[in-house]
């Protein structure tokens, strides 16, 4: 049988039946100001909706400026979308549609099918407006684009949402570079990033040092959830929503010379508290059964706390010393200073160790710039930097312990 576009299936089924953001880093922010009115189950539910579906009005950029709705409607099939790391929420698909996908009777090479998926709200992190003629008229993005993936339970790239899991398959640069509104030079920069990488300052200062998309789970006990310790969760949410997603609001931080005003209206600041509450509710995933050697991991914990000296910075509880006010110079941790120099602190925060190993979604790379592709490479980095004398067994055991975090 010849595959048919998904919009035909959907049609058949239908027939059947931010204000200014002020920052203070001393002492470390408690986020009390941003949490007003953001408590309780109602706020948690609101935060989930905001995280998954709220564009903060950024359609004015992605549609009116970049014209991405034209790109999607004319040339982005589901097969292409999955290839660049976009994910499909299987739970948003009607049973009949899932059956047709499984049967191969839905045309996954047709851009019209992508539009139909957007109409269903099934493309994770992308919100589209589709008119009565099944034409895509507007498109925007949400937090979930970069900070959610799926469990591949239905098919590769199609499954139940995993909120807070960084989408390390997502090639943001390749997607943005499809825009007809960009120059060749801009497209070259975006195209250089690769999957799982993003530069949240390139459009601000014109420099190009992309970083690994971080997870948004396990944040509840972390004081500053930014690689360079610039601020807490709501600071970064506001920064990204306004300066990167191009949502409607006003973000200003004189420490980095940023003052971006996309308002009125302000569609960001009133949502930061609920968004924060939902993010703080997202637990880091448990280690995958059978993915590590339990006995070796037990020995590795002793190495972590002892001869490897990991616990001197990855201290108990949060597994980061940022909560006691410590940040580190690039030289101290053996990291490229380029990205830190673009930040407010010019330093790096000790990354909390959470969800390090949960393949296939979470299996590296590591460090802010992805310089360590594996946990073995991560251990080797610090072994050389701190002139450690680990035996082969200690090294292997330490890697097995890291897989449990």
Protein backbone atom coordinates (compact mmCIF):
# COMPACT_ATOMS: atom_id res chain seq x y z
CA UNK A 1 0.00 0.00 0.00
CA UNK A 2 1.27 3.48 -0.84
CA UNK A 3 2.08 5.54 2.30
CA UNK A 4 -0.38 8.36 2.89
CA UNK A 5 0.27 11.70 4.61
CA UNK A 6 -0.67 11.78 8.28
CA UNK A 7 -2.99 14.77 7.81
CA UNK A 8 -5.31 12.48 5.82
CA UNK A 9 -5.42 10.07 8.75
CA UNK A 10 -6.13 12.89 11.18
CA UNK A 11 -8.87 14.26 8.95
CA UNK A 12 -10.48 10.82 8.82
CA UNK A 13 -10.33 10.46 12.60
CA UNK A 14 -11.82 13.93 13.06
CA UNK A 15 -14.67 13.05 10.76
CA UNK A 16 -15.34 9.97 12.82
CA UNK A 17 -15.58 11.30 15.92
CA UNK A 18 9.66 38.83 31.30
CA UNK A 19 9.59 42.12 33.34
CA UNK A 20 13.16 43.21 34.25
CA UNK A 21 15.23 40.45 35.87
CA UNK A 22 17.52 41.58 38.70
CA UNK A 23 20.46 39.41 39.74
CA UNK A 24 22.31 39.10 43.02
CA UNK A 25 25.08 36.57 43.54
CA UNK A 26 26.26 37.38 47.07
CA UNK A 27 25.04 35.52 48.99
CA UNK A 28 23.96 32.75 46.57
CA UNK A 29 20.38 33.41 45.45
CA UNK A 30 17.59 31.62 47.31
CA UNK A 31 15.18 32.40 44.47
CA UNK A 32 12.63 33.46 47.05
CA UNK A 33 11.58 36.40 44.91
CA UNK A 34 10.93 34.24 41.88
CA UNK A 35 8.99 31.64 43.84
CA UNK A 36 6.19 33.89 45.09
CA UNK A 37 2.91 32.36 44.11
CA UNK A 38 4.70 29.38 42.65
CA UNK A 39 3.90 26.69 45.21
CA UNK A 40 1.35 23.88 45.34
CA UNK A 41 0.00 21.31 42.91
CA UNK A 42 -1.64 23.96 40.75
CA UNK A 43 1.66 25.73 40.19
CA UNK A 44 3.37 22.41 39.52
CA UNK A 45 0.81 21.57 36.85
CA UNK A 46 1.12 25.07 35.40
CA UNK A 47 4.90 24.73 35.36
CA UNK A 48 4.66 21.46 33.45
CA UNK A 49 2.44 23.09 30.85
CA UNK A 50 4.78 26.08 30.58
CA UNK A 51 7.83 23.83 30.23
CA UNK A 52 6.25 21.70 27.53
CA UNK A 53 4.05 24.07 25.56
CA UNK A 54 4.67 27.77 26.34
CA UNK A 55 6.51 29.69 23.63
CA UNK A 56 6.42 33.00 25.53
CA UNK A 57 5.24 34.50 22.25
CA UNK A 58 8.47 33.62 20.42
CA UNK A 59 6.54 32.90 17.22
CA UNK A 60 7.25 36.51 16.31
CA UNK A 61 10.91 35.52 15.87
CA UNK A 62 10.74 31.95 14.59
CA UNK A 63 7.91 32.77 12.17
CA UNK A 64 8.11 36.45 11.28
CA UNK A 65 11.92 36.77 11.30
CA UNK A 66 13.40 33.34 10.56
CA UNK A 67 10.37 32.10 8.56
CA UNK A 68 10.83 28.60 9.92
CA UNK A 69 7.18 27.78 9.23
CA UNK A 70 7.98 28.03 5.52
CA UNK A 71 11.01 25.77 5.93
CA UNK A 72 9.02 23.14 7.83
CA UNK A 73 6.02 23.18 5.52
CA UNK A 74 8.09 22.90 2.37
CA UNK A 75 11.00 20.68 3.27
CA UNK A 76 11.01 19.08 6.73
CA UNK A 77 9.57 15.58 6.69
CA UNK A 78 9.33 13.49 9.88
CA UNK A 79 12.31 11.50 8.62
CA UNK A 80 14.33 14.71 8.31
CA UNK A 81 13.10 15.99 11.67
CA UNK A 82 14.12 12.78 13.43
CA UNK A 83 17.49 12.90 11.69
CA UNK A 84 18.30 16.29 13.24
CA UNK A 85 17.16 15.08 16.66
CA UNK A 86 13.59 16.33 16.96
CA UNK A 87 11.42 13.96 19.00
CA UNK A 88 7.80 12.85 18.71
CA UNK A 89 5.54 12.39 21.73
CA UNK A 90 3.87 9.04 21.12
CA UNK A 91 1.32 9.76 23.86
CA UNK A 92 -0.04 12.64 21.77
CA UNK A 93 -0.77 10.34 18.82
CA UNK A 94 -4.20 8.69 18.42
CA UNK A 95 -4.06 4.89 18.44
CA UNK A 96 -5.09 4.71 14.79
CA UNK A 97 -2.22 6.99 13.79
CA UNK A 98 0.30 4.91 15.74
CA UNK A 99 -1.01 1.79 14.06
CA UNK A 100 -0.60 3.36 10.63
CA UNK A 101 2.95 4.44 11.47
CA UNK A 102 3.72 0.90 12.59
CA UNK A 103 2.15 -0.47 9.40
CA UNK A 104 4.21 1.89 7.25
CA UNK A 105 1.13 3.48 5.72
CA UNK A 106 1.96 6.98 7.00
CA UNK A 107 4.33 8.88 4.73
CA UNK A 108 7.27 9.82 6.96
CA UNK A 109 8.99 11.47 4.01
CA UNK A 110 6.28 14.07 3.49
CA UNK A 111 6.49 17.56 5.06
CA UNK A 112 2.68 17.45 5.22
CA UNK A 113 3.02 14.68 7.80
CA UNK A 114 5.22 16.94 9.94
CA UNK A 115 2.55 19.62 9.79
CA UNK A 116 -0.01 17.03 10.86
CA UNK A 117 2.18 16.04 13.81
CA UNK A 118 2.42 19.70 14.83
CA UNK A 119 -1.35 19.95 14.62
CA UNK A 120 -1.55 17.09 17.12
CA UNK A 121 0.97 18.79 19.44
CA UNK A 122 3.22 15.76 19.07
CA UNK A 123 6.57 17.36 18.15
CA UNK A 124 8.42 17.81 21.43
CA UNK A 125 9.34 21.44 22.04
CA UNK A 126 7.80 22.81 18.84
CA UNK A 127 4.36 24.46 18.75
CA UNK A 128 2.67 25.08 15.41
CA UNK A 129 -0.52 26.83 14.36
CA UNK A 130 -2.28 24.99 11.56
CA UNK A 131 -5.28 26.50 9.78
CA UNK A 132 -8.41 24.84 8.44
CA UNK A 133 -6.61 24.11 5.16
CA UNK A 134 -3.90 22.18 7.04
CA UNK A 135 -1.34 24.88 6.30
CA UNK A 136 1.27 25.75 8.92
CA UNK A 137 0.90 29.46 9.62
CA UNK A 138 3.05 30.03 12.70
CA UNK A 139 5.67 28.13 14.68
CA UNK A 140 7.46 28.64 18.00
CA UNK A 141 9.64 26.69 20.42
CA UNK A 142 9.45 25.80 24.12
CA UNK A 143 11.85 24.79 26.90
CA UNK A 144 11.22 21.15 26.03
CA UNK A 145 12.94 21.48 22.66
CA UNK A 146 16.39 21.21 24.25
CA UNK A 147 15.56 19.88 27.70
CA UNK A 148 13.28 16.94 26.93
CA UNK A 149 13.65 13.78 24.93
CA UNK A 150 11.65 10.53 24.62
CA UNK A 151 12.22 6.96 25.73
CA UNK A 152 12.10 5.54 22.17
CA UNK A 153 9.37 3.22 23.40
CA UNK A 154 7.46 3.28 20.12
CA UNK A 155 10.34 3.70 17.67
CA UNK A 156 13.67 5.54 17.60
CA UNK A 157 12.86 9.18 18.33
CA UNK A 158 9.20 8.39 19.10
CA UNK A 159 8.04 7.57 22.62
CA UNK A 160 6.97 8.89 26.02
CA UNK A 161 8.42 12.23 27.06
CA UNK A 162 11.39 12.37 29.42
CA UNK A 163 11.18 15.92 30.75
CA UNK A 164 14.42 17.39 32.01
CA UNK A 165 16.62 15.02 29.99
CA UNK A 166 18.90 16.99 27.68
CA UNK A 167 18.24 16.18 24.04
CA UNK A 168 21.78 15.25 23.04
CA UNK A 169 20.57 14.20 19.57
CA UNK A 170 19.20 17.64 18.81
CA UNK A 171 21.20 19.57 16.22
CA UNK A 172 19.93 23.06 16.97
CA UNK A 173 22.45 24.69 14.67
CA UNK A 174 21.48 22.53 11.70
CA UNK A 175 17.81 23.37 12.27
CA UNK A 176 18.36 27.12 12.60
CA UNK A 177 20.69 27.19 9.59
CA UNK A 178 17.77 26.13 7.39
CA UNK A 179 16.30 29.62 7.75
CA UNK A 180 16.33 31.67 4.55
CA UNK A 181 16.77 34.83 6.65
CA UNK A 182 20.37 34.02 7.70
CA UNK A 183 23.59 34.97 5.97
CA UNK A 184 25.99 32.34 4.69
CA UNK A 185 28.43 33.23 7.47
CA UNK A 186 25.75 32.75 10.13
CA UNK A 187 24.70 29.43 8.63
CA UNK A 188 28.32 28.25 8.71
CA UNK A 189 28.55 28.99 12.44
CA UNK A 190 25.26 27.31 13.28
CA UNK A 191 26.15 24.34 11.12
CA UNK A 192 29.43 23.86 12.99
CA UNK A 193 27.86 23.09 16.38
CA UNK A 194 26.70 19.52 15.92
CA UNK A 195 24.20 17.43 17.95
CA UNK A 196 23.73 18.23 21.62
CA UNK A 197 25.64 21.51 21.42
CA UNK A 198 24.40 25.09 21.63
CA UNK A 199 25.96 28.51 22.11
CA UNK A 200 23.63 30.64 24.26
CA UNK A 201 25.74 33.76 23.78
CA UNK A 202 26.57 33.72 20.06
CA UNK A 203 23.68 36.00 19.14
CA UNK A 204 24.78 38.37 21.92
CA UNK A 205 28.53 38.77 21.36
CA UNK A 206 29.18 37.09 18.00
CA UNK A 207 31.70 34.65 19.45
CA UNK A 208 31.39 30.93 18.85
CA UNK A 209 32.09 28.52 21.71
CA UNK A 210 29.13 26.10 21.91
CA UNK A 211 28.46 24.16 25.09
CA UNK A 212 26.77 20.85 25.88
CA UNK A 213 23.02 21.14 26.41
CA UNK A 214 22.63 20.44 30.16
CA UNK A 215 19.90 18.41 31.85
CA UNK A 216 17.09 20.19 33.67
CA UNK A 217 16.53 17.45 36.26
CA UNK A 218 18.03 17.08 39.72
CA UNK A 219 18.19 20.84 40.30
CA UNK A 220 16.38 20.98 43.62
CA UNK A 221 19.47 21.30 45.82
CA UNK A 222 21.72 23.23 43.44
CA UNK A 223 22.31 26.94 44.12
CA UNK A 224 23.31 28.08 40.63
CA UNK A 225 22.34 25.96 37.67
CA UNK A 226 24.59 27.54 35.05
CA UNK A 227 27.98 26.20 33.93
CA UNK A 228 29.65 29.43 35.03
CA UNK A 229 27.57 30.05 38.16
CA UNK A 230 26.07 33.29 36.81
CA UNK A 231 22.77 32.74 38.58
CA UNK A 232 20.06 30.33 39.69
CA UNK A 233 17.44 28.46 37.72
CA UNK A 234 15.04 31.36 37.22
CA UNK A 235 17.87 33.66 36.12
CA UNK A 236 18.79 31.23 33.37
CA UNK A 237 15.16 30.53 32.46
CA UNK A 238 14.60 34.25 31.93
CA UNK A 239 17.85 34.65 30.00
CA UNK A 240 17.04 31.79 27.63
CA UNK A 241 13.34 32.60 27.25
CA UNK A 242 14.04 36.20 26.25
CA UNK A 243 17.48 36.30 24.63
CA UNK A 244 17.57 32.84 23.00
CA UNK A 245 14.00 31.71 22.43
CA UNK A 246 13.12 35.36 21.75
CA UNK A 247 10.06 35.29 23.97
CA UNK A 248 8.36 38.51 25.02
CA UNK A 249 9.92 40.05 28.10
CA UNK A 250 12.79 42.21 29.33
CA UNK A 251 16.09 40.70 30.47
CA UNK A 252 18.92 42.90 31.71
CA UNK A 253 22.22 41.92 33.32
CA UNK A 254 24.84 44.69 33.28
CA UNK A 255 27.55 42.22 34.35
CA UNK A 256 27.56 40.78 30.83
CA UNK A 257 26.34 43.88 29.03
CA UNK A 258 22.99 42.36 28.08
CA UNK A 259 19.77 44.35 27.89
CA UNK A 260 17.17 42.70 25.65
CA UNK A 261 13.65 44.05 25.64
CA UNK A 262 11.11 42.09 23.59
CA UNK A 263 8.11 43.51 25.38
CA UNK A 264 5.35 44.50 25.59
CA UNK A 265 3.69 42.26 26.41
CA UNK A 266 5.67 40.56 29.19
CA UNK A 267 4.94 36.85 28.74
CA UNK A 268 7.85 35.53 30.82
CA UNK A 269 8.22 36.93 34.34
CA UNK A 270 4.84 35.79 35.71
CA UNK A 271 5.63 32.20 34.66
CA UNK A 272 9.11 31.85 36.16
CA UNK A 273 7.94 30.66 39.59
CA UNK A 274 5.75 27.84 38.30
CA UNK A 275 8.36 26.86 35.73
CA UNK A 276 10.97 26.68 38.46
CA UNK A 277 8.74 24.54 40.67
CA UNK A 278 8.24 22.02 37.88
CA UNK A 279 11.94 21.89 37.08
CA UNK A 280 12.80 21.35 40.74
CA UNK A 281 10.33 18.45 40.84
CA UNK A 282 12.20 16.56 38.11
CA UNK A 283 14.31 13.84 39.68
CA UNK A 284 17.54 12.62 38.15
CA UNK A 285 17.05 9.16 36.62
CA UNK A 286 18.04 6.08 38.53
CA UNK A 287 20.97 4.10 37.09
CA UNK A 288 19.83 1.66 34.44
CA UNK A 289 19.85 -1.94 35.71
CA UNK A 290 22.63 -3.98 34.21
CA UNK A 291 24.48 -0.96 32.82
CA UNK A 292 27.26 -1.07 35.41
CA UNK A 293 29.19 -3.50 37.60
CA UNK A 294 27.81 -3.21 41.14
CA UNK A 295 30.83 -4.60 42.92
CA UNK A 296 33.23 -2.45 40.91
CA UNK A 297 31.03 0.60 41.61
CA UNK A 298 31.23 -0.12 45.35
CA UNK A 299 35.02 -0.09 45.12
CA UNK A 300 34.88 2.98 42.88
CA UNK A 301 33.05 4.95 45.55
CA UNK A 302 36.04 4.45 47.82
CA UNK A 303 38.34 5.70 45.04
CA UNK A 304 36.05 8.72 44.47
CA UNK A 305 36.22 9.70 48.13
CA UNK A 306 39.86 8.79 48.57
CA UNK A 307 42.83 8.63 46.25
CA UNK A 308 41.07 10.27 43.26
CA UNK A 309 40.13 13.28 45.44
CA UNK A 310 36.85 13.79 43.52
CA UNK A 311 34.91 14.54 46.71
CA UNK A 312 37.02 17.61 47.45
CA UNK A 313 34.89 19.49 44.88
CA UNK A 314 31.99 17.09 44.33
CA UNK A 315 31.05 17.26 47.98
CA UNK A 316 28.35 15.19 49.65
CA UNK A 317 24.71 16.05 49.02
CA UNK A 318 24.67 18.15 45.87
CA UNK A 319 27.95 16.65 44.59
CA UNK A 320 29.07 20.22 43.89
CA UNK A 321 30.83 22.85 45.97
CA UNK A 322 28.83 25.66 44.36
CA UNK A 323 26.41 25.54 47.30
CA UNK A 324 29.18 26.72 49.63
CA UNK A 325 30.05 29.58 47.29
CA UNK A 326 32.98 28.09 45.39
CA UNK A 327 33.70 28.70 41.74
CA UNK A 328 36.88 27.68 39.95
CA UNK A 329 39.25 29.30 37.49
CA UNK A 330 39.55 27.54 34.12
CA UNK A 331 43.18 26.64 34.86
CA UNK A 332 42.23 25.10 38.19
CA UNK A 333 39.94 22.58 36.53
CA UNK A 334 41.83 22.27 33.26
CA UNK A 335 39.11 23.76 31.08
CA UNK A 336 39.22 26.05 28.08
CA UNK A 337 38.65 29.59 29.42
CA UNK A 338 36.89 30.84 26.27
CA UNK A 339 33.31 30.29 27.41
CA UNK A 340 33.94 31.42 30.99
CA UNK A 341 35.38 34.70 29.75
CA UNK A 342 32.01 35.46 28.14
CA UNK A 343 30.18 35.01 31.45
CA UNK A 344 29.56 37.19 34.48
CA UNK A 345 31.87 35.25 36.79
CA UNK A 346 34.71 34.35 34.38
CA UNK A 347 34.84 31.09 36.35
CA UNK A 348 33.38 27.59 36.21
CA UNK A 349 31.01 25.93 38.64
CA UNK A 350 31.62 22.33 39.72
CA UNK A 351 29.01 20.38 37.79
CA UNK A 352 26.69 18.35 40.03
CA UNK A 353 27.03 14.70 39.13
CA UNK A 354 23.58 13.45 38.20
CA UNK A 355 22.27 11.23 35.42
CA UNK A 356 25.73 10.73 33.98
CA UNK A 357 25.04 7.35 32.44
CA UNK A 358 21.65 6.26 31.19
CA UNK A 359 22.16 5.09 27.62
CA UNK A 360 21.08 5.61 24.94
CA UNK A 361 19.77 9.06 25.88
CA UNK A 362 22.50 9.99 28.38
CA UNK A 363 25.98 8.67 27.69
CA UNK A 364 28.16 11.74 27.25
CA UNK A 365 29.81 13.94 26.25
CA UNK A 366 31.10 15.55 29.44
CA UNK A 367 32.44 18.96 30.56
CA UNK A 368 30.83 22.20 29.46
CA UNK A 369 32.30 21.97 25.96
CA UNK A 370 31.92 18.22 25.50
CA UNK A 371 35.69 17.81 25.38
CA UNK A 372 35.50 14.48 27.22
CA UNK A 373 33.49 12.10 25.07
CA UNK A 374 33.33 9.30 27.64
CA UNK A 375 33.52 8.79 31.39
CA UNK A 376 36.91 7.14 30.85
CA UNK A 377 38.15 10.33 29.18
CA UNK A 378 36.75 12.39 32.06
CA UNK A 379 38.70 10.37 34.61
CA UNK A 380 41.85 10.54 32.48
CA UNK A 381 41.54 14.34 32.29
CA UNK A 382 41.64 14.75 36.05
CA UNK A 383 44.20 12.02 36.50
CA UNK A 384 46.63 14.01 34.36
CA UNK A 385 45.61 17.42 35.68
CA UNK A 386 46.09 16.48 39.33
CA UNK A 387 48.94 14.04 38.72
CA UNK A 388 47.01 11.17 40.27
CA UNK A 389 48.45 7.68 40.43
CA UNK A 390 45.49 5.42 39.81
CA UNK A 391 45.88 1.78 39.00
CA UNK A 392 44.01 0.35 36.02
CA UNK A 393 41.55 -1.27 38.40
CA UNK A 394 40.96 1.93 40.36
CA UNK A 395 40.32 3.78 37.10
CA UNK A 396 37.82 1.19 35.91
CA UNK A 397 36.12 1.06 39.31
CA UNK A 398 35.81 4.83 39.44
CA UNK A 399 34.11 4.85 36.03
CA UNK A 400 31.65 2.22 37.23
CA UNK A 401 30.83 4.33 40.28
CA UNK A 402 30.24 7.41 38.12
CA UNK A 403 27.68 5.38 36.17
CA UNK A 404 25.60 5.11 39.35
CA UNK A 405 25.29 8.89 39.86
